[in-house]
N, C-alpha and C. Protein backbone atom coordinates (compact mmCIF):
# COMPACT_ATOMS: atom_id res chain seq x y z
N MET A 1 0.84 -1.18 0.00
CA MET A 1 0.00 0.00 0.00
C MET A 1 0.87 1.23 0.00
N GLU A 2 0.49 2.17 -0.78
CA GLU A 2 1.16 3.45 -0.79
C GLU A 2 0.12 4.54 -0.80
N GLY A 3 0.48 5.67 -0.26
CA GLY A 3 -0.41 6.82 -0.28
C GLY A 3 0.20 7.97 0.49
N LEU A 4 -0.53 9.06 0.54
CA LEU A 4 -0.09 10.27 1.22
C LEU A 4 -1.21 10.83 2.06
N VAL A 5 -0.85 11.43 3.18
CA VAL A 5 -1.79 12.17 4.02
C VAL A 5 -1.13 13.52 4.30
N HIS A 6 -1.81 14.60 3.95
CA HIS A 6 -1.27 15.94 4.19
C HIS A 6 -1.36 16.26 5.68
N GLU A 7 -0.33 16.93 6.21
CA GLU A 7 -0.28 17.23 7.64
C GLU A 7 -1.32 18.26 8.08
N ARG A 8 -1.68 19.21 7.19
CA ARG A 8 -2.60 20.28 7.59
C ARG A 8 -3.91 20.29 6.80
N LEU A 9 -3.86 19.92 5.56
CA LEU A 9 -5.05 19.99 4.70
C LEU A 9 -5.77 18.65 4.67
N PRO A 10 -7.07 18.66 4.41
CA PRO A 10 -7.82 17.39 4.34
C PRO A 10 -7.59 16.68 3.00
N ILE A 11 -6.36 16.18 2.84
CA ILE A 11 -5.98 15.50 1.60
C ILE A 11 -5.49 14.10 1.96
N LEU A 12 -6.06 13.12 1.29
CA LEU A 12 -5.72 11.72 1.50
C LEU A 12 -5.68 11.05 0.14
N THR A 13 -4.58 10.38 -0.17
CA THR A 13 -4.46 9.69 -1.46
C THR A 13 -4.09 8.23 -1.23
N THR A 14 -4.43 7.41 -2.18
CA THR A 14 -3.97 6.02 -2.18
C THR A 14 -3.42 5.70 -3.55
N GLN A 15 -2.50 4.77 -3.58
CA GLN A 15 -1.95 4.33 -4.85
C GLN A 15 -2.15 2.83 -4.97
N PHE A 16 -3.37 2.43 -4.71
CA PHE A 16 -3.79 1.05 -4.82
C PHE A 16 -5.30 1.07 -4.89
N HIS A 17 -5.91 -0.04 -5.06
CA HIS A 17 -7.36 -0.11 -5.08
C HIS A 17 -7.83 -0.55 -3.69
N PRO A 18 -8.24 0.41 -2.83
CA PRO A 18 -8.58 0.06 -1.45
C PRO A 18 -9.78 -0.86 -1.33
N GLU A 19 -10.57 -0.99 -2.37
CA GLU A 19 -11.73 -1.89 -2.32
C GLU A 19 -11.35 -3.29 -2.77
N SER A 20 -10.10 -3.48 -3.11
CA SER A 20 -9.67 -4.75 -3.70
C SER A 20 -8.92 -5.62 -2.70
N LYS A 21 -8.17 -6.56 -3.19
CA LYS A 21 -7.43 -7.54 -2.40
C LYS A 21 -6.27 -6.87 -1.69
N PRO A 22 -5.59 -7.44 -0.71
CA PRO A 22 -5.59 -8.84 -0.38
C PRO A 22 -6.70 -9.26 0.56
N GLY A 23 -7.12 -8.43 1.50
CA GLY A 23 -8.18 -8.83 2.41
C GLY A 23 -9.32 -7.83 2.36
N PRO A 24 -10.52 -8.26 2.64
CA PRO A 24 -11.66 -7.37 2.52
C PRO A 24 -11.67 -6.24 3.54
N LEU A 25 -10.91 -6.36 4.62
CA LEU A 25 -10.93 -5.32 5.66
C LEU A 25 -9.59 -4.58 5.79
N ASP A 26 -8.61 -4.93 4.98
CA ASP A 26 -7.27 -4.36 5.10
C ASP A 26 -7.22 -2.85 4.88
N ALA A 27 -8.12 -2.32 4.09
CA ALA A 27 -8.07 -0.89 3.77
C ALA A 27 -9.20 -0.11 4.42
N ASN A 28 -9.87 -0.67 5.41
CA ASN A 28 -10.96 0.06 6.07
C ASN A 28 -10.50 1.39 6.62
N TRP A 29 -9.25 1.47 7.06
CA TRP A 29 -8.75 2.72 7.63
C TRP A 29 -8.83 3.86 6.62
N VAL A 30 -8.67 3.55 5.31
CA VAL A 30 -8.75 4.59 4.28
C VAL A 30 -10.16 5.16 4.24
N PHE A 31 -11.15 4.31 4.22
CA PHE A 31 -12.54 4.76 4.15
C PHE A 31 -12.96 5.45 5.45
N ASP A 32 -12.48 4.95 6.60
CA ASP A 32 -12.78 5.58 7.88
C ASP A 32 -12.19 6.98 7.95
N GLU A 33 -10.96 7.13 7.52
CA GLU A 33 -10.30 8.45 7.54
C GLU A 33 -10.97 9.40 6.56
N PHE A 34 -11.35 8.92 5.39
CA PHE A 34 -12.05 9.76 4.41
C PHE A 34 -13.38 10.25 4.99
N ALA A 35 -14.14 9.36 5.62
CA ALA A 35 -15.42 9.74 6.22
C ALA A 35 -15.20 10.78 7.32
N ARG A 36 -14.16 10.60 8.13
CA ARG A 36 -13.85 11.56 9.18
C ARG A 36 -13.51 12.93 8.59
N MET A 37 -12.75 12.95 7.50
CA MET A 37 -12.38 14.21 6.84
C MET A 37 -13.62 14.92 6.30
N VAL A 38 -14.52 14.16 5.67
CA VAL A 38 -15.74 14.76 5.11
C VAL A 38 -16.61 15.33 6.21
N ILE A 39 -16.79 14.58 7.31
CA ILE A 39 -17.62 15.04 8.42
C ILE A 39 -17.04 16.29 9.06
N ASN A 40 -15.72 16.32 9.24
CA ASN A 40 -15.07 17.45 9.92
C ASN A 40 -14.77 18.62 9.02
N HIS A 41 -14.91 18.48 7.73
CA HIS A 41 -14.55 19.56 6.78
C HIS A 41 -15.40 20.82 6.99
N GLY A 42 -16.64 20.67 7.33
CA GLY A 42 -17.52 21.82 7.49
C GLY A 42 -17.39 22.52 8.83
N ARG A 43 -16.57 22.02 9.71
CA ARG A 43 -16.44 22.60 11.06
C ARG A 43 -15.39 23.63 11.15
């Protein structure tokens, strides 16, 4: 897995298919962090 998370801005990238293999739950952290960023963006 590769990706970037900006230290100050709500930017999160991945360089893989987080919905894909190897395990169905291995990339849940990506979706959890994205949801947190979207929820907190308006605050």
